[in-house]
Amino acid sequence: MTDVVADKRTIIEEYTIEHVGVLAQLELTPQEKRQARDDMAGMLAYVDKLRELNTENVEPLTHMNPTQNVFRDDVVTGEDISEQLLAGAPVRKKNMYVVPRTIDEA
């Protein structure tokens, strides 16, 4: 464990680890709590390291890869093909597919 990580470890309270465990619905052993504290300290140390980077001339990203619409433009044809689309439905009600329920009512 580096000095920076050890320093970050001191600012993470035990109740913080326990609270995170409760939120995650985990029962942590004392060993797991120590490991979680060390892991979080490492993450905080890494964030501090990232803060040292000069990002002054770096454009913010909204996506990792540039995105563009690769689909064709929507064109209204004026033709109603709903009956053709519903023709293959095993069960239908008016102009809708009937499918089995997948979510129980609460």
PDB file of N, CA and C in Angstrom:
ATOM      1  N   MET A   1       0.851  -1.167   0.000  1.00  0.00           N
ATOM      2  CA  MET A   1       0.000   0.000   0.000  1.00  0.00           C
ATOM      3  C   MET A   1       0.902   1.236   0.000  1.00  0.00           C
ATOM      4  N   THR A   2       0.645   2.141  -0.955  1.00  0.00           N
ATOM      5  CA  THR A   2       1.471   3.345  -1.038  1.00  0.00           C
ATOM      6  C   THR A   2       1.099   4.316   0.069  1.00  0.00           C
ATOM      7  N   ASP A   3       1.959   5.311   0.290  1.00  0.00           N
ATOM      8  CA  ASP A   3       1.688   6.308   1.322  1.00  0.00           C
ATOM      9  C   ASP A   3       0.416   7.088   1.024  1.00  0.00           C
ATOM     10  N   VAL A   4       0.183   7.380  -0.266  1.00  0.00           N
ATOM     11  CA  VAL A   4      -1.013   8.134  -0.647  1.00  0.00           C
ATOM     12  C   VAL A   4      -2.263   7.333  -0.330  1.00  0.00           C
ATOM     13  N   VAL A   5      -2.255   6.052  -0.671  1.00  0.00           N
ATOM     14  CA  VAL A   5      -3.405   5.191  -0.388  1.00  0.00           C
ATOM     15  C   VAL A   5      -3.594   5.059   1.115  1.00  0.00           C
ATOM     16  N   ALA A   6      -2.525   4.890   1.853  1.00  0.00           N
ATOM     17  CA  ALA A   6      -2.624   4.789   3.311  1.00  0.00           C
ATOM     18  C   ALA A   6      -3.203   6.065   3.887  1.00  0.00           C
ATOM     19  N   ASP A   7      -2.816   7.213   3.333  1.00  0.00           N
ATOM     20  CA  ASP A   7      -3.346   8.492   3.791  1.00  0.00           C
ATOM     21  C   ASP A   7      -4.843   8.580   3.514  1.00  0.00           C
ATOM     22  N   LYS A   8      -5.270   8.154   2.346  1.00  0.00           N
ATOM     23  CA  LYS A   8      -6.695   8.179   1.989  1.00  0.00           C
ATOM     24  C   LYS A   8      -7.485   7.211   2.862  1.00  0.00           C
ATOM     25  N   ARG A   9      -6.858   6.117   3.260  1.00  0.00           N
ATOM     26  CA  ARG A   9      -7.526   5.111   4.091  1.00  0.00           C
ATOM     27  C   ARG A   9      -7.977   5.721   5.412  1.00  0.00           C
ATOM     28  N   THR A  10      -7.210   6.688   5.938  1.00  0.00           N
ATOM     29  CA  THR A  10      -7.550   7.271   7.239  1.00  0.00           C
ATOM     30  C   THR A  10      -8.791   8.144   7.176  1.00  0.00           C
ATOM     31  N   ILE A  11      -9.170   8.639   5.984  1.00  0.00           N
ATOM     32  CA  ILE A  11     -10.352   9.501   5.910  1.00  0.00           C
ATOM     33  C   ILE A  11     -11.643   8.715   5.685  1.00  0.00           C
ATOM     34  N   ILE A  12     -11.531   7.423   5.456  1.00  0.00           N
ATOM     35  CA  ILE A  12     -12.724   6.594   5.251  1.00  0.00           C
ATOM     36  C   ILE A  12     -13.109   5.981   6.589  1.00  0.00           C
ATOM     37  N   GLU A  13     -14.243   6.413   7.093  1.00  0.00           N
ATOM     38  CA  GLU A  13     -14.718   5.932   8.389  1.00  0.00           C
ATOM     39  C   GLU A  13     -15.314   4.531   8.248  1.00  0.00           C
ATOM     40  N   GLU A  14     -15.284   3.778   9.333  1.00  0.00           N
ATOM     41  CA  GLU A  14     -15.840   2.422   9.308  1.00  0.00           C
ATOM     42  C   GLU A  14     -17.338   2.453   9.033  1.00  0.00           C
ATOM     43  N   TYR A  15     -18.031   3.467   9.588  1.00  0.00           N
ATOM     44  CA  TYR A  15     -19.481   3.516   9.350  1.00  0.00           C
ATOM     45  C   TYR A  15     -19.789   3.767   7.876  1.00  0.00           C
ATOM     46  N   THR A  16     -18.865   4.396   7.144  1.00  0.00           N
ATOM     47  CA  THR A  16     -19.065   4.593   5.708  1.00  0.00           C
ATOM     48  C   THR A  16     -19.066   3.249   4.992  1.00  0.00           C
ATOM     49  N   ILE A  17     -18.127   2.404   5.348  1.00  0.00           N
ATOM     50  CA  ILE A  17     -18.059   1.063   4.755  1.00  0.00           C
ATOM     51  C   ILE A  17     -19.311   0.271   5.114  1.00  0.00           C
ATOM     52  N   GLU A  18     -19.729   0.343   6.364  1.00  0.00           N
ATOM     53  CA  GLU A  18     -20.931  -0.379   6.793  1.00  0.00           C
ATOM     54  C   GLU A  18     -22.159   0.146   6.055  1.00  0.00           C
ATOM     55  N   HIS A  19     -22.239   1.469   5.884  1.00  0.00           N
ATOM     56  CA  HIS A  19     -23.384   2.063   5.191  1.00  0.00           C
ATOM     57  C   HIS A  19     -23.434   1.607   3.731  1.00  0.00           C
ATOM     58  N   VAL A  20     -22.288   1.593   3.075  1.00  0.00           N
ATOM     59  CA  VAL A  20     -22.237   1.109   1.692  1.00  0.00           C
ATOM     60  C   VAL A  20     -22.662  -0.359   1.639  1.00  0.00           C
ATOM     61  N   GLY A  21     -22.240  -1.140   2.617  1.00  0.00           N
ATOM     62  CA  GLY A  21     -22.652  -2.540   2.688  1.00  0.00           C
ATOM     63  C   GLY A  21     -24.155  -2.685   2.830  1.00  0.00           C
ATOM     64  N   VAL A  22     -24.758  -1.832   3.662  1.00  0.00           N
ATOM     65  CA  VAL A  22     -26.219  -1.867   3.843  1.00  0.00           C
ATOM     66  C   VAL A  22     -26.907  -1.488   2.536  1.00  0.00           C
ATOM     67  N   LEU A  23     -26.431  -0.435   1.888  1.00  0.00           N
ATOM     68  CA  LEU A  23     -27.031  -0.013   0.621  1.00  0.00           C
ATOM     69  C   LEU A  23     -26.936  -1.102  -0.442  1.00  0.00           C
ATOM     70  N   ALA A  24     -25.834  -1.837  -0.426  1.00  0.00           N
ATOM     71  CA  ALA A  24     -25.635  -2.919  -1.397  1.00  0.00           C
ATOM     72  C   ALA A  24     -26.248  -4.233  -0.922  1.00  0.00           C
ATOM     73  N   GLN A  25     -26.877  -4.201   0.241  1.00  0.00           N
ATOM     74  CA  GLN A  25     -27.493  -5.385   0.850  1.00  0.00           C
ATOM     75  C   GLN A  25     -26.477  -6.512   1.005  1.00  0.00           C
ATOM     76  N   LEU A  26     -25.306  -6.145   1.560  1.00  0.00           N
ATOM     77  CA  LEU A  26     -24.241  -7.111   1.804  1.00  0.00           C
ATOM     78  C   LEU A  26     -23.951  -7.201   3.292  1.00  0.00           C
ATOM     79  N   GLU A  27     -23.683  -8.392   3.752  1.00  0.00           N
ATOM     80  CA  GLU A  27     -23.195  -8.581   5.115  1.00  0.00           C
ATOM     81  C   GLU A  27     -21.691  -8.792   5.003  1.00  0.00           C
ATOM     82  N   LEU A  28     -20.930  -7.785   5.423  1.00  0.00           N
ATOM     83  CA  LEU A  28     -19.481  -7.830   5.258  1.00  0.00           C
ATOM     84  C   LEU A  28     -18.801  -8.351   6.516  1.00  0.00           C
ATOM     85  N   THR A  29     -17.837  -9.219   6.323  1.00  0.00           N
ATOM     86  CA  THR A  29     -17.011  -9.690   7.436  1.00  0.00           C
ATOM     87  C   THR A  29     -15.996  -8.590   7.755  1.00  0.00           C
ATOM     88  N   PRO A  30     -15.369  -8.635   8.926  1.00  0.00           N
ATOM     89  CA  PRO A  30     -14.332  -7.641   9.231  1.00  0.00           C
ATOM     90  C   PRO A  30     -13.229  -7.598   8.166  1.00  0.00           C
ATOM     91  N   GLN A  31     -12.839  -8.758   7.647  1.00  0.00           N
ATOM     92  CA  GLN A  31     -11.823  -8.804   6.583  1.00  0.00           C
ATOM     93  C   GLN A  31     -12.323  -8.099   5.322  1.00  0.00           C
ATOM     94  N   GLU A  32     -13.578  -8.331   4.948  1.00  0.00           N
ATOM     95  CA  GLU A  32     -14.140  -7.690   3.758  1.00  0.00           C
ATOM     96  C   GLU A  32     -14.251  -6.179   3.949  1.00  0.00           C
ATOM     97  N   LYS A  33     -14.561  -5.749   5.175  1.00  0.00           N
ATOM     98  CA  LYS A  33     -14.622  -4.312   5.459  1.00  0.00           C
ATOM     99  C   LYS A  33     -13.245  -3.674   5.300  1.00  0.00           C
ATOM    100  N   ARG A  34     -12.213  -4.347   5.790  1.00  0.00           N
ATOM    101  CA  ARG A  34     -10.847  -3.826   5.633  1.00  0.00           C
ATOM    102  C   ARG A  34     -10.472  -3.750   4.154  1.00  0.00           C
ATOM    103  N   GLN A  35     -10.822  -4.802   3.418  1.00  0.00           N
ATOM    104  CA  GLN A  35     -10.513  -4.827   1.983  1.00  0.00           C
ATOM    105  C   GLN A  35     -11.267  -3.719   1.253  1.00  0.00           C
ATOM    106  N   ALA A  36     -12.542  -3.524   1.590  1.00  0.00           N
ATOM    107  CA  ALA A  36     -13.334  -2.468   0.953  1.00  0.00           C
ATOM    108  C   ALA A  36     -12.744  -1.097   1.260  1.00  0.00           C
ATOM    109  N   ARG A  37     -12.300  -0.906   2.489  1.00  0.00           N
ATOM    110  CA  ARG A  37     -11.690   0.364   2.886  1.00  0.00           C
ATOM    111  C   ARG A  37     -10.404   0.605   2.088  1.00  0.00           C
ATOM    112  N   ASP A  38      -9.587  -0.421   1.937  1.00  0.00           N
ATOM    113  CA  ASP A  38      -8.361  -0.301   1.143  1.00  0.00           C
ATOM    114  C   ASP A  38      -8.679  -0.009  -0.326  1.00  0.00           C
ATOM    115  N   ASP A  39      -9.701  -0.690  -0.857  1.00  0.00           N
ATOM    116  CA  ASP A  39     -10.086  -0.479  -2.254  1.00  0.00           C
ATOM    117  C   ASP A  39     -10.571   0.954  -2.473  1.00  0.00           C
ATOM    118  N   MET A  40     -11.405   1.445  -1.557  1.00  0.00           N
ATOM    119  CA  MET A  40     -11.907   2.817  -1.682  1.00  0.00           C
ATOM    120  C   MET A  40     -10.778   3.831  -1.561  1.00  0.00           C
ATOM    121  N   ALA A  41      -9.841   3.554  -0.680  1.00  0.00           N
ATOM    122  CA  ALA A  41      -8.690   4.449  -0.531  1.00  0.00           C
ATOM    123  C   ALA A  41      -7.891   4.497  -1.828  1.00  0.00           C
ATOM    124  N   GLY A  42      -7.729   3.355  -2.469  1.00  0.00           N
ATOM    125  CA  GLY A  42      -7.038   3.310  -3.754  1.00  0.00           C
ATOM    126  C   GLY A  42      -7.769   4.110  -4.820  1.00  0.00           C
ATOM    127  N   MET A  43      -9.101   4.026  -4.817  1.00  0.00           N
ATOM    128  CA  MET A  43      -9.891   4.791  -5.787  1.00  0.00           C
ATOM    129  C   MET A  43      -9.733   6.290  -5.553  1.00  0.00           C
ATOM    130  N   LEU A  44      -9.796   6.707  -4.288  1.00  0.00           N
ATOM    131  CA  LEU A  44      -9.630   8.126  -3.970  1.00  0.00           C
ATOM    132  C   LEU A  44      -8.242   8.623  -4.355  1.00  0.00           C
ATOM    133  N   ALA A  45      -7.232   7.812  -4.125  1.00  0.00           N
ATOM    134  CA  ALA A  45      -5.869   8.192  -4.509  1.00  0.00           C
ATOM    135  C   ALA A  45      -5.768   8.337  -6.028  1.00  0.00           C
ATOM    136  N   TYR A  46      -6.442   7.458  -6.763  1.00  0.00           N
ATOM    137  CA  TYR A  46      -6.413   7.533  -8.220  1.00  0.00           C
ATOM    138  C   TYR A  46      -7.124   8.792  -8.712  1.00  0.00           C
ATOM    139  N   VAL A  47      -8.251   9.141  -8.076  1.00  0.00           N
ATOM    140  CA  VAL A  47      -8.960  10.373  -8.441  1.00  0.00           C
ATOM    141  C   VAL A  47      -8.056  11.577  -8.214  1.00  0.00           C
ATOM    142  N   ASP A  48      -7.327  11.596  -7.101  1.00  0.00           N
ATOM    143  CA  ASP A  48      -6.379  12.686  -6.852  1.00  0.00           C
ATOM    144  C   ASP A  48      -5.321  12.749  -7.946  1.00  0.00           C
ATOM    145  N   LYS A  49      -4.858  11.598  -8.388  1.00  0.00           N
ATOM    146  CA  LYS A  49      -3.858  11.545  -9.459  1.00  0.00           C
ATOM    147  C   LYS A  49      -4.443  12.120 -10.753  1.00  0.00           C
ATOM    148  N   LEU A  50      -5.699  11.794 -11.045  1.00  0.00           N
ATOM    149  CA  LEU A  50      -6.347  12.321 -12.245  1.00  0.00           C
ATOM    150  C   LEU A  50      -6.504  13.837 -12.178  1.00  0.00           C
ATOM    151  N   ARG A  51      -6.723  14.359 -10.986  1.00  0.00           N
ATOM    152  CA  ARG A  51      -6.883  15.809 -10.823  1.00  0.00           C
ATOM    153  C   ARG A  51      -5.600  16.563 -11.153  1.00  0.00           C
ATOM    154  N   GLU A  52      -4.472  15.883 -11.147  1.00  0.00           N
ATOM    155  CA  GLU A  52      -3.202  16.520 -11.471  1.00  0.00           C
ATOM    156  C   GLU A  52      -3.041  16.757 -12.974  1.00  0.00           C
ATOM    157  N   LEU A  53      -3.858  16.097 -13.777  1.00  0.00           N
ATOM    158  CA  LEU A  53      -3.736  16.227 -15.228  1.00  0.00           C
ATOM    159  C   LEU A  53      -4.159  17.613 -15.695  1.00  0.00           C
ATOM    160  N   ASN A  54      -3.428  18.146 -16.662  1.00  0.00           N
ATOM    161  CA  ASN A  54      -3.786  19.420 -17.265  1.00  0.00           C
ATOM    162  C   ASN A  54      -4.807  19.145 -18.365  1.00  0.00           C
ATOM    163  N   THR A  55      -6.040  19.538 -18.144  1.00  0.00           N
ATOM    164  CA  THR A  55      -7.109  19.308 -19.120  1.00  0.00           C
ATOM    165  C   THR A  55      -7.600  20.618 -19.721  1.00  0.00           C
ATOM    166  N   GLU A  56      -6.784  21.649 -19.614  1.00  0.00           N
ATOM    167  CA  GLU A  56      -7.194  22.983 -20.057  1.00  0.00           C
ATOM    168  C   GLU A  56      -7.602  23.019 -21.526  1.00  0.00           C
ATOM    169  N   ASN A  57      -6.856  22.365 -22.401  1.00  0.00           N
ATOM    170  CA  ASN A  57      -7.143  22.406 -23.838  1.00  0.00           C
ATOM    171  C   ASN A  57      -7.800  21.125 -24.343  1.00  0.00           C
ATOM    172  N   VAL A  58      -8.448  20.401 -23.467  1.00  0.00           N
ATOM    173  CA  VAL A  58      -9.096  19.146 -23.844  1.00  0.00           C
ATOM    174  C   VAL A  58     -10.595  19.380 -23.960  1.00  0.00           C
ATOM    175  N   GLU A  59     -11.136  19.030 -25.118  1.00  0.00           N
ATOM    176  CA  GLU A  59     -12.573  19.174 -25.338  1.00  0.00           C
ATOM    177  C   GLU A  59     -13.335  18.138 -24.514  1.00  0.00           C
ATOM    178  N   PRO A  60     -14.424  18.538 -23.863  1.00  0.00           N
ATOM    179  CA  PRO A  60     -15.231  17.557 -23.121  1.00  0.00           C
ATOM    180  C   PRO A  60     -15.869  16.547 -24.077  1.00  0.00           C
ATOM    181  N   LEU A  61     -16.023  15.322 -23.608  1.00  0.00           N
ATOM    182  CA  LEU A  61     -16.644  14.265 -24.412  1.00  0.00           C
ATOM    183  C   LEU A  61     -18.069  14.015 -23.943  1.00  0.00           C
ATOM    184  N   THR A  62     -18.938  13.738 -24.884  1.00  0.00           N
ATOM    185  CA  THR A  62     -20.257  13.237 -24.523  1.00  0.00           C
ATOM    186  C   THR A  62     -20.340  11.741 -24.794  1.00  0.00           C
ATOM    187  N   HIS A  63     -19.479  11.266 -25.705  1.00  0.00           N
ATOM    188  CA  HIS A  63     -19.383   9.841 -26.029  1.00  0.00           C
ATOM    189  C   HIS A  63     -17.923   9.513 -26.295  1.00  0.00           C
ATOM    190  N   MET A  64     -17.554   8.268 -26.086  1.00  0.00           N
ATOM    191  CA  MET A  64     -16.177   7.861 -26.352  1.00  0.00           C
ATOM    192  C   MET A  64     -15.857   7.873 -27.844  1.00  0.00           C
ATOM    193  N   ASN A  65     -16.838   7.541 -28.658  1.00  0.00           N
ATOM    194  CA  ASN A  65     -16.646   7.523 -30.110  1.00  0.00           C
ATOM    195  C   ASN A  65     -17.540   8.579 -30.731  1.00  0.00           C
ATOM    196  N   PRO A  66     -17.062   9.250 -31.766  1.00  0.00           N
ATOM    197  CA  PRO A  66     -17.938  10.216 -32.430  1.00  0.00           C
ATOM    198  C   PRO A  66     -19.161   9.490 -32.984  1.00  0.00           C
ATOM    199  N   THR A  67     -20.297  10.086 -32.821  1.00  0.00           N
ATOM    200  CA  THR A  67     -21.523   9.428 -33.276  1.00  0.00           C
ATOM    201  C   THR A  67     -22.131  10.212 -34.427  1.00  0.00           C
ATOM    202  N   GLN A  68     -22.769   9.481 -35.282  1.00  0.00           N
ATOM    203  CA  GLN A  68     -23.523  10.099 -36.362  1.00  0.00           C
ATOM    204  C   GLN A  68     -24.665   9.162 -36.703  1.00  0.00           C
ATOM    205  N   ASN A  69     -25.703   9.720 -37.242  1.00  0.00           N
ATOM    206  CA  ASN A  69     -26.857   8.923 -37.607  1.00  0.00           C
ATOM    207  C   ASN A  69     -26.520   8.125 -38.863  1.00  0.00           C
ATOM    208  N   VAL A  70     -26.523   6.814 -38.732  1.00  0.00           N
ATOM    209  CA  VAL A  70     -26.195   5.962 -39.875  1.00  0.00           C
ATOM    210  C   VAL A  70     -27.451   5.389 -40.527  1.00  0.00           C
ATOM    211  N   PHE A  71     -28.607   5.859 -40.088  1.00  0.00           N
ATOM    212  CA  PHE A  71     -29.860   5.357 -40.622  1.00  0.00           C
ATOM    213  C   PHE A  71     -30.357   6.265 -41.743  1.00  0.00           C
ATOM    214  N   ARG A  72     -31.191   5.729 -42.555  1.00  0.00           N
ATOM    215  CA  ARG A  72     -31.767   6.522 -43.637  1.00  0.00           C
ATOM    216  C   ARG A  72     -32.798   7.485 -43.060  1.00  0.00           C
ATOM    217  N   ASP A  73     -33.145   8.492 -43.826  1.00  0.00           N
ATOM    218  CA  ASP A  73     -34.192   9.415 -43.413  1.00  0.00           C
ATOM    219  C   ASP A  73     -35.529   8.687 -43.428  1.00  0.00           C
ATOM    220  N   ASP A  74     -36.398   9.033 -42.480  1.00  0.00           N
ATOM    221  CA  ASP A  74     -37.744   8.476 -42.469  1.00  0.00           C
ATOM    222  C   ASP A  74     -38.541   9.104 -43.610  1.00  0.00           C
ATOM    223  N   VAL A  75     -39.173   8.253 -44.388  1.00  0.00           N
ATOM    224  CA  VAL A  75     -39.977   8.734 -45.497  1.00  0.00           C
ATOM    225  C   VAL A  75     -41.359   8.114 -45.372  1.00  0.00           C
ATOM    226  N   VAL A  76     -42.372   8.957 -45.342  1.00  0.00           N
ATOM    227  CA  VAL A  76     -43.745   8.473 -45.275  1.00  0.00           C
ATOM    228  C   VAL A  76     -44.146   8.039 -46.673  1.00  0.00           C
ATOM    229  N   THR A  77     -44.608   6.790 -46.769  1.00  0.00           N
ATOM    230  CA  THR A  77     -44.980   6.260 -48.084  1.00  0.00           C
ATOM    231  C   THR A  77     -46.463   6.418 -48.359  1.00  0.00           C
ATOM    232  N   GLY A  78     -47.232   6.641 -47.314  1.00  0.00           N
ATOM    233  CA  GLY A  78     -48.661   6.796 -47.509  1.00  0.00           C
ATOM    234  C   GLY A  78     -49.392   5.472 -47.570  1.00  0.00           C
ATOM    235  N   GLU A  79     -48.666   4.390 -47.618  1.00  0.00           N
ATOM    236  CA  GLU A  79     -49.266   3.069 -47.716  1.00  0.00           C
ATOM    237  C   GLU A  79     -49.491   2.507 -46.317  1.00  0.00           C
ATOM    238  N   ASP A  80     -50.693   1.993 -46.039  1.00  0.00           N
ATOM    239  CA  ASP A  80     -51.005   1.401 -44.736  1.00  0.00           C
ATOM    240  C   ASP A  80     -50.741  -0.103 -44.817  1.00  0.00           C
ATOM    241  N   ILE A  81     -49.691  -0.547 -44.138  1.00  0.00           N
ATOM    242  CA  ILE A  81     -49.335  -1.967 -44.173  1.00  0.00           C
ATOM    243  C   ILE A  81     -49.616  -2.644 -42.828  1.00  0.00           C
ATOM    244  N   SER A  82     -50.429  -2.005 -41.985  1.00  0.00           N
ATOM    245  CA  SER A  82     -50.683  -2.569 -40.658  1.00  0.00           C
ATOM    246  C   SER A  82     -51.318  -3.955 -40.749  1.00  0.00           C
ATOM    247  N   GLU A  83     -52.199  -4.170 -41.697  1.00  0.00           N
ATOM    248  CA  GLU A  83     -52.841  -5.482 -41.830  1.00  0.00           C
ATOM    249  C   GLU A  83     -51.818  -6.546 -42.224  1.00  0.00           C
ATOM    250  N   GLN A  84     -50.880  -6.195 -43.071  1.00  0.00           N
ATOM    251  CA  GLN A  84     -49.823  -7.132 -43.453  1.00  0.00           C
ATOM    252  C   GLN A  84     -48.947  -7.473 -42.249  1.00  0.00           C
ATOM    253  N   LEU A  85     -48.644  -6.470 -41.434  1.00  0.00           N
ATOM    254  CA  LEU A  85     -47.806  -6.700 -40.264  1.00  0.00           C
ATOM    255  C   LEU A  85     -48.505  -7.577 -39.232  1.00  0.00           C
ATOM    256  N   LEU A  86     -49.812  -7.393 -39.077  1.00  0.00           N
ATOM    257  CA  LEU A  86     -50.562  -8.164 -38.088  1.00  0.00           C
ATOM    258  C   LEU A  86     -50.965  -9.548 -38.596  1.00  0.00           C
ATOM    259  N   ALA A  87     -50.815  -9.802 -39.864  1.00  0.00           N
ATOM    260  CA  ALA A  87     -51.260 -11.073 -40.442  1.00  0.00           C
ATOM    261  C   ALA A  87     -50.556 -12.267 -39.813  1.00  0.00           C
ATOM    262  N   GLY A  88     -49.311 -12.108 -39.404  1.00  0.00           N
ATOM    263  CA  GLY A  88     -48.568 -13.225 -38.830  1.00  0.00           C
ATOM    264  C   GLY A  88     -48.727 -13.372 -37.330  1.00  0.00           C
ATOM    265  N   ALA A  89     -49.520 -12.522 -36.714  1.00  0.00           N
ATOM    266  CA  ALA A  89     -49.680 -12.583 -35.257  1.00  0.00           C
ATOM    267  C   ALA A  89     -50.530 -13.784 -34.874  1.00  0.00           C
ATOM    268  N   PRO A  90     -50.063 -14.617 -33.917  1.00  0.00           N
ATOM    269  CA  PRO A  90     -50.862 -15.759 -33.497  1.00  0.00           C
ATOM    270  C   PRO A  90     -52.160 -15.325 -32.819  1.00  0.00           C
ATOM    271  N   VAL A  91     -52.095 -14.260 -32.040  1.00  0.00           N
ATOM    272  CA  VAL A  91     -53.288 -13.733 -31.376  1.00  0.00           C
ATOM    273  C   VAL A  91     -53.260 -12.219 -31.518  1.00  0.00           C
ATOM    274  N   ARG A  92     -54.404 -11.653 -31.895  1.00  0.00           N
ATOM    275  CA  ARG A  92     -54.480 -10.205 -32.001  1.00  0.00           C
ATOM    276  C   ARG A  92     -55.836  -9.715 -31.554  1.00  0.00           C
ATOM    277  N   LYS A  93     -55.877  -8.461 -31.148  1.00  0.00           N
ATOM    278  CA  LYS A  93     -57.120  -7.828 -30.721  1.00  0.00           C
ATOM    279  C   LYS A  93     -57.184  -6.494 -31.448  1.00  0.00           C
ATOM    280  N   LYS A  94     -58.146  -6.356 -32.339  1.00  0.00           N
ATOM    281  CA  LYS A  94     -58.250  -5.200 -33.225  1.00  0.00           C
ATOM    282  C   LYS A  94     -56.933  -5.027 -33.976  1.00  0.00           C
ATOM    283  N   ASN A  95     -56.252  -3.904 -33.787  1.00  0.00           N
ATOM    284  CA  ASN A  95     -55.006  -3.675 -34.526  1.00  0.00           C
ATOM    285  C   ASN A  95     -53.781  -3.804 -33.621  1.00  0.00           C
ATOM    286  N   MET A  96     -53.850  -4.726 -32.634  1.00  0.00           N
ATOM    287  CA  MET A  96     -52.738  -4.897 -31.695  1.00  0.00           C
ATOM    288  C   MET A  96     -52.381  -6.370 -31.553  1.00  0.00           C
ATOM    289  N   TYR A  97     -51.090  -6.622 -31.293  1.00  0.00           N
ATOM    290  CA  TYR A  97     -50.630  -7.957 -30.948  1.00  0.00           C
ATOM    291  C   TYR A  97     -51.056  -8.251 -29.518  1.00  0.00           C
ATOM    292  N   VAL A  98     -51.441  -9.484 -29.234  1.00  0.00           N
ATOM    293  CA  VAL A  98     -51.708  -9.914 -27.867  1.00  0.00           C
ATOM    294  C   VAL A  98     -50.548 -10.815 -27.469  1.00  0.00           C
ATOM    295  N   VAL A  99     -49.883 -10.435 -26.373  1.00  0.00           N
ATOM    296  CA  VAL A  99     -48.723 -11.187 -25.904  1.00  0.00           C
ATOM    297  C   VAL A  99     -48.937 -11.587 -24.455  1.00  0.00           C
ATOM    298  N   PRO A 100     -48.247 -12.632 -23.992  1.00  0.00           N
ATOM    299  CA  PRO A 100     -48.395 -13.041 -22.593  1.00  0.00           C
ATOM    300  C   PRO A 100     -47.881 -11.948 -21.652  1.00  0.00           C
ATOM    301  N   ARG A 101     -48.516 -11.861 -20.488  1.00  0.00           N
ATOM    302  CA  ARG A 101     -48.080 -10.907 -19.468  1.00  0.00           C
ATOM    303  C   ARG A 101     -46.685 -11.302 -18.999  1.00  0.00           C
ATOM    304  N   THR A 102     -45.803 -10.318 -18.898  1.00  0.00           N
ATOM    305  CA  THR A 102     -44.443 -10.589 -18.435  1.00  0.00           C
ATOM    306  C   THR A 102     -44.137  -9.933 -17.098  1.00  0.00           C
ATOM    307  N   ILE A 103     -44.983  -9.012 -16.665  1.00  0.00           N
ATOM    308  CA  ILE A 103     -44.779  -8.334 -15.385  1.00  0.00           C
ATOM    309  C   ILE A 103     -46.018  -8.551 -14.533  1.00  0.00           C
ATOM    310  N   ASP A 104     -45.819  -9.065 -13.321  1.00  0.00           N
ATOM    311  CA  ASP A 104     -46.942  -9.258 -12.412  1.00  0.00           C
ATOM    312  C   ASP A 104     -47.382  -7.921 -11.848  1.00  0.00           C
ATOM    313  N   GLU A 105     -48.675  -7.805 -11.581  1.00  0.00           N
ATOM    314  CA  GLU A 105     -49.164  -6.592 -10.927  1.00  0.00           C
ATOM    315  C   GLU A 105     -48.740  -6.611  -9.475  1.00  0.00           C
ATOM    316  N   ALA A 106     -48.351  -5.462  -8.967  1.00  0.00           N
ATOM    317  CA  ALA A 106     -47.888  -5.377  -7.572  1.00  0.00           C
ATOM    318  C   ALA A 106     -49.054  -5.266  -6.623  1.00  0.00           C
TER     319      ALA A 106
END
